[in-house]
């Protein structure tokens, strides 16, 4: 089982979400940037390239991380205990 984590630290906000794949996390990151771009940059058009847009958006004291992890071993070590499996499934938020 794989999971992708998106962490956004921006303007004092902390966002943490877990996804099934990198593409879904990236889509939400780009949505975050697109939604807030006008407030930060006014009428300046964002770069058409999504990676350049994300880099341009975040200031030096802000950041985002999209990280993937293989959770197969974690599931094996948790066993079949109901609470452990419930917790593991709760990671799949998006």
N, C-alpha and C. Protein backbone atom coordinates (compact mmCIF):
# COMPACT_ATOMS: atom_id res chain seq x y z
N UNK A 1 0.85 -1.17 0.00
CA UNK A 1 0.00 0.00 0.00
C UNK A 1 0.91 1.24 0.00
N UNK A 2 0.60 2.19 -0.90
CA UNK A 2 1.36 3.43 -0.99
C UNK A 2 0.49 4.60 -0.55
N UNK A 3 1.14 5.63 -0.08
CA UNK A 3 0.45 6.86 0.29
C UNK A 3 1.34 8.03 -0.08
N UNK A 4 0.72 9.14 -0.43
CA UNK A 4 1.44 10.37 -0.71
C UNK A 4 0.96 11.43 0.26
N UNK A 5 1.89 12.11 0.87
CA UNK A 5 1.58 13.15 1.85
C UNK A 5 1.85 14.51 1.22
N UNK A 6 0.90 15.42 1.43
CA UNK A 6 1.08 16.81 1.03
C UNK A 6 1.10 17.65 2.29
N UNK A 7 2.19 18.37 2.47
CA UNK A 7 2.34 19.29 3.60
C UNK A 7 2.53 20.68 3.03
N UNK A 8 1.70 21.63 3.49
CA UNK A 8 1.81 23.02 3.05
C UNK A 8 1.93 23.89 4.30
N UNK A 9 2.99 24.69 4.35
CA UNK A 9 3.18 25.68 5.41
C UNK A 9 3.20 27.04 4.71
N UNK A 10 2.13 27.81 4.91
CA UNK A 10 1.96 29.06 4.16
C UNK A 10 1.15 30.05 4.96
N UNK A 11 1.71 31.24 5.16
CA UNK A 11 1.03 32.32 5.86
C UNK A 11 0.46 31.88 7.20
N UNK A 12 1.23 31.10 7.93
CA UNK A 12 0.80 30.62 9.24
C UNK A 12 -0.16 29.45 9.21
N UNK A 13 -0.62 29.06 8.02
CA UNK A 13 -1.50 27.89 7.88
C UNK A 13 -0.65 26.64 7.75
N UNK A 14 -1.14 25.56 8.34
CA UNK A 14 -0.49 24.26 8.20
C UNK A 14 -1.52 23.30 7.63
N UNK A 15 -1.21 22.73 6.49
CA UNK A 15 -2.11 21.78 5.84
C UNK A 15 -1.38 20.47 5.68
N UNK A 16 -2.00 19.39 6.10
CA UNK A 16 -1.44 18.05 5.95
C UNK A 16 -2.55 17.16 5.42
N UNK A 17 -2.29 16.50 4.31
CA UNK A 17 -3.29 15.60 3.73
C UNK A 17 -2.58 14.37 3.17
N UNK A 18 -3.29 13.26 3.13
CA UNK A 18 -2.75 12.01 2.62
C UNK A 18 -3.60 11.58 1.42
N UNK A 19 -2.92 11.13 0.37
CA UNK A 19 -3.57 10.77 -0.89
C UNK A 19 -3.14 9.39 -1.34
N UNK A 20 -3.87 8.85 -2.30
CA UNK A 20 -3.53 7.55 -2.87
C UNK A 20 -2.35 7.63 -3.83
N UNK A 21 -2.10 8.83 -4.39
CA UNK A 21 -1.03 8.94 -5.39
C UNK A 21 -0.50 10.37 -5.47
N UNK A 22 0.65 10.51 -6.12
CA UNK A 22 1.30 11.81 -6.25
C UNK A 22 0.45 12.79 -7.05
N UNK A 23 -0.20 12.29 -8.10
CA UNK A 23 -0.99 13.18 -8.98
C UNK A 23 -2.11 13.87 -8.21
N UNK A 24 -2.78 13.16 -7.34
CA UNK A 24 -3.87 13.76 -6.55
C UNK A 24 -3.33 14.82 -5.59
N UNK A 25 -2.19 14.55 -4.97
CA UNK A 25 -1.58 15.53 -4.07
C UNK A 25 -1.16 16.76 -4.85
N UNK A 26 -0.54 16.55 -6.01
CA UNK A 26 -0.09 17.68 -6.83
C UNK A 26 -1.28 18.52 -7.29
N UNK A 27 -2.36 17.88 -7.68
CA UNK A 27 -3.57 18.60 -8.10
C UNK A 27 -4.08 19.50 -6.99
N UNK A 28 -4.10 19.00 -5.77
CA UNK A 28 -4.55 19.83 -4.64
C UNK A 28 -3.57 20.96 -4.34
N UNK A 29 -2.28 20.70 -4.48
CA UNK A 29 -1.29 21.76 -4.29
C UNK A 29 -1.49 22.88 -5.31
N UNK A 30 -1.66 22.52 -6.56
CA UNK A 30 -1.88 23.52 -7.61
C UNK A 30 -3.18 24.28 -7.36
N UNK A 31 -4.21 23.59 -6.90
CA UNK A 31 -5.46 24.25 -6.54
C UNK A 31 -5.27 25.25 -5.41
N UNK A 32 -4.47 24.89 -4.43
CA UNK A 32 -4.15 25.77 -3.31
C UNK A 32 -3.49 27.04 -3.83
N UNK A 33 -2.50 26.88 -4.69
CA UNK A 33 -1.77 28.01 -5.26
C UNK A 33 -2.70 28.88 -6.11
N UNK A 34 -3.46 28.24 -6.99
CA UNK A 34 -4.35 28.98 -7.89
C UNK A 34 -5.39 29.79 -7.12
N UNK A 35 -5.92 29.22 -6.06
CA UNK A 35 -6.94 29.91 -5.27
C UNK A 35 -6.37 31.14 -4.58
N UNK A 36 -5.14 31.08 -4.16
CA UNK A 36 -4.54 32.17 -3.38
C UNK A 36 -3.68 33.13 -4.21
N UNK A 37 -3.41 32.77 -5.46
CA UNK A 37 -2.54 33.60 -6.30
C UNK A 37 -3.02 35.05 -6.39
N UNK A 38 -4.31 35.31 -6.71
CA UNK A 38 -4.75 36.71 -6.86
C UNK A 38 -4.57 37.54 -5.58
N UNK A 39 -4.78 36.94 -4.42
CA UNK A 39 -4.61 37.68 -3.17
C UNK A 39 -3.15 38.06 -2.95
N UNK A 40 -2.25 37.23 -3.40
CA UNK A 40 -0.83 37.47 -3.17
C UNK A 40 -0.21 38.35 -4.26
N UNK A 41 -0.63 38.15 -5.51
CA UNK A 41 0.04 38.82 -6.62
C UNK A 41 -0.85 39.77 -7.41
N UNK A 42 -2.11 39.89 -7.01
CA UNK A 42 -3.01 40.80 -7.72
C UNK A 42 -3.18 40.40 -9.18
N UNK A 43 -3.04 41.37 -10.10
CA UNK A 43 -3.31 41.09 -11.51
C UNK A 43 -2.16 40.40 -12.25
N UNK A 44 -1.06 40.14 -11.56
CA UNK A 44 0.06 39.46 -12.22
C UNK A 44 -0.34 38.02 -12.54
N UNK A 45 -0.25 37.66 -13.81
CA UNK A 45 -0.64 36.31 -14.23
C UNK A 45 0.37 35.28 -13.73
N UNK A 46 -0.11 34.13 -13.29
CA UNK A 46 0.80 33.08 -12.84
C UNK A 46 1.47 32.39 -14.03
N UNK A 47 2.63 31.79 -13.81
CA UNK A 47 3.25 31.00 -14.88
C UNK A 47 2.32 29.88 -15.32
N UNK A 48 2.34 29.57 -16.59
CA UNK A 48 1.46 28.49 -17.08
C UNK A 48 1.95 27.12 -16.62
N UNK A 49 3.25 26.97 -16.43
CA UNK A 49 3.81 25.71 -15.95
C UNK A 49 3.51 25.56 -14.46
N UNK A 50 2.89 24.45 -14.08
CA UNK A 50 2.46 24.26 -12.69
C UNK A 50 3.63 24.26 -11.71
N UNK A 51 4.74 23.63 -12.06
CA UNK A 51 5.89 23.58 -11.16
C UNK A 51 6.47 24.98 -10.95
N UNK A 52 6.58 25.74 -12.02
CA UNK A 52 7.08 27.11 -11.90
C UNK A 52 6.12 27.96 -11.08
N UNK A 53 4.82 27.74 -11.26
CA UNK A 53 3.81 28.48 -10.50
C UNK A 53 3.94 28.20 -9.01
N UNK A 54 4.10 26.94 -8.65
CA UNK A 54 4.24 26.57 -7.24
C UNK A 54 5.51 27.19 -6.66
N UNK A 55 6.61 27.13 -7.38
CA UNK A 55 7.87 27.72 -6.90
C UNK A 55 7.75 29.23 -6.74
N UNK A 56 7.09 29.88 -7.69
CA UNK A 56 6.94 31.34 -7.63
C UNK A 56 6.03 31.77 -6.49
N UNK A 57 5.07 30.94 -6.14
CA UNK A 57 4.08 31.31 -5.13
C UNK A 57 4.65 31.36 -3.72
N UNK A 58 5.44 30.35 -3.36
CA UNK A 58 5.89 30.21 -1.97
C UNK A 58 7.08 31.12 -1.69
N UNK A 59 6.98 31.88 -0.59
CA UNK A 59 8.07 32.74 -0.15
C UNK A 59 9.14 31.89 0.54
N UNK A 60 10.26 32.52 0.83
CA UNK A 60 11.39 31.78 1.41
C UNK A 60 11.08 31.20 2.79
N UNK A 61 10.12 31.78 3.49
CA UNK A 61 9.77 31.27 4.82
C UNK A 61 8.56 30.32 4.78
N UNK A 62 8.17 29.92 3.57
CA UNK A 62 7.04 29.00 3.38
C UNK A 62 7.53 27.79 2.61
N UNK A 63 6.72 26.74 2.62
CA UNK A 63 7.14 25.54 1.90
C UNK A 63 5.98 24.60 1.63
N UNK A 64 6.24 23.69 0.70
CA UNK A 64 5.35 22.56 0.49
C UNK A 64 6.20 21.33 0.29
N UNK A 65 5.64 20.18 0.63
CA UNK A 65 6.31 18.90 0.44
C UNK A 65 5.28 17.92 -0.11
N UNK A 66 5.64 17.24 -1.17
CA UNK A 66 4.85 16.11 -1.67
C UNK A 66 5.77 14.91 -1.55
N UNK A 67 5.42 13.98 -0.67
CA UNK A 67 6.29 12.84 -0.39
C UNK A 67 5.50 11.54 -0.45
N UNK A 68 6.09 10.55 -1.09
CA UNK A 68 5.45 9.24 -1.21
C UNK A 68 6.09 8.24 -0.25
N UNK A 69 5.27 7.31 0.21
CA UNK A 69 5.78 6.28 1.11
C UNK A 69 5.08 4.96 0.83
N UNK A 70 5.83 3.89 0.96
CA UNK A 70 5.27 2.55 0.84
C UNK A 70 4.92 2.09 2.25
N UNK A 71 3.64 1.88 2.49
CA UNK A 71 3.18 1.52 3.83
C UNK A 71 2.94 0.02 3.99
N UNK A 72 3.38 -0.77 3.02
CA UNK A 72 3.15 -2.22 3.07
C UNK A 72 3.70 -2.83 4.34
N UNK A 73 4.93 -2.50 4.66
CA UNK A 73 5.55 -3.07 5.86
C UNK A 73 4.83 -2.62 7.12
N UNK A 74 4.38 -1.38 7.13
CA UNK A 74 3.66 -0.87 8.29
C UNK A 74 2.41 -1.71 8.54
N UNK A 75 1.67 -1.99 7.47
CA UNK A 75 0.46 -2.79 7.61
C UNK A 75 0.80 -4.18 8.14
N UNK A 76 1.89 -4.77 7.67
CA UNK A 76 2.30 -6.10 8.15
C UNK A 76 2.60 -6.08 9.64
N UNK A 77 3.25 -5.04 10.13
CA UNK A 77 3.63 -4.94 11.53
C UNK A 77 2.46 -4.57 12.44
N UNK A 78 1.41 -4.01 11.86
CA UNK A 78 0.26 -3.63 12.67
C UNK A 78 -0.66 -4.81 12.94
N UNK A 79 -0.53 -5.84 12.15
CA UNK A 79 -1.39 -7.00 12.34
C UNK A 79 -2.81 -6.71 11.88
N UNK A 80 -3.74 -7.49 12.38
CA UNK A 80 -5.13 -7.35 11.95
C UNK A 80 -6.00 -6.74 13.05
N UNK A 81 -5.39 -6.25 14.09
CA UNK A 81 -6.10 -5.58 15.18
C UNK A 81 -7.02 -4.50 14.61
N UNK A 82 -8.25 -4.47 15.05
CA UNK A 82 -9.27 -3.56 14.51
C UNK A 82 -8.85 -2.10 14.59
N UNK A 83 -8.32 -1.67 15.72
CA UNK A 83 -7.94 -0.27 15.89
C UNK A 83 -6.77 0.12 15.00
N UNK A 84 -5.82 -0.79 14.85
CA UNK A 84 -4.68 -0.51 13.99
C UNK A 84 -5.09 -0.36 12.54
N UNK A 85 -5.95 -1.25 12.07
CA UNK A 85 -6.41 -1.17 10.68
C UNK A 85 -7.27 0.06 10.48
N UNK A 86 -8.06 0.41 11.46
CA UNK A 86 -8.90 1.61 11.38
C UNK A 86 -8.02 2.85 11.23
N UNK A 87 -6.95 2.90 12.01
CA UNK A 87 -6.02 4.02 11.93
C UNK A 87 -5.36 4.09 10.56
N UNK A 88 -4.93 2.95 10.04
CA UNK A 88 -4.28 2.91 8.75
C UNK A 88 -5.22 3.39 7.65
N UNK A 89 -6.46 2.96 7.70
CA UNK A 89 -7.43 3.40 6.68
C UNK A 89 -7.74 4.89 6.83
N UNK A 90 -7.66 5.42 8.03
CA UNK A 90 -7.92 6.86 8.24
C UNK A 90 -6.86 7.71 7.54
N UNK A 91 -5.68 7.14 7.26
CA UNK A 91 -4.67 7.87 6.52
C UNK A 91 -5.12 8.19 5.11
N UNK A 92 -6.01 7.39 4.59
CA UNK A 92 -6.47 7.58 3.22
C UNK A 92 -7.59 8.62 3.20
N UNK A 93 -7.21 9.86 3.41
CA UNK A 93 -8.18 10.93 3.53
C UNK A 93 -8.71 11.41 2.19
N UNK A 94 -7.90 11.39 1.16
CA UNK A 94 -8.32 11.93 -0.14
C UNK A 94 -8.02 10.98 -1.24
